[in-house]
Amino acid sequence: MAIEEIIYIEYDEAVWLHFRLMWEWEEIRFGIDRRELLESALARPKQTAFYENADIVRQAATLCFGLIKNHPWQGGNKRTATFLMRIFLKQNGLQLKYEISEMLEMVLAVESDAWKIDEIENWLRDRIIKMEN
């Protein structure tokens, strides 16, 4: 899949989605903490596609990893990371089938440095479903 065919999440969209998610959860602590860390995490999928010829699942794993580890938000970092990862996959014709407890275990493993990108990728591959048009 060429980079031109993939729909990437841009900065403004990520900010809007974060705010929407936090309002939905009625959070009071949210917003951008470090813009450069958000931009860095959002650039990871394109870089991985270009330099590693990564497919969409690998790119989603790098996005999730970057957002969790960079902590670009004032609050809701893990929730926003998984939300943006799911949006990225959905925009590109894929969805995840998972239990909430599985997602929680995954993000906590990433946050604690027990999991890296390879583990996220494997986790995703076990749960990916191609959306029907």
Foldseek 3Di string as FASTA:
>chain_A
DDPVLADAQDLVNLQVVQVVVCVVVVHDFKDFDASVLLRVLSCQLVCCCVPVVDDLLLSLLSSLLSQLVSVGMRDDSNVSSVVNSQVRQVSVQKHFDDDPVLSVVVSVCSNVVVDHSVVSSVVRVVTIDGHDD
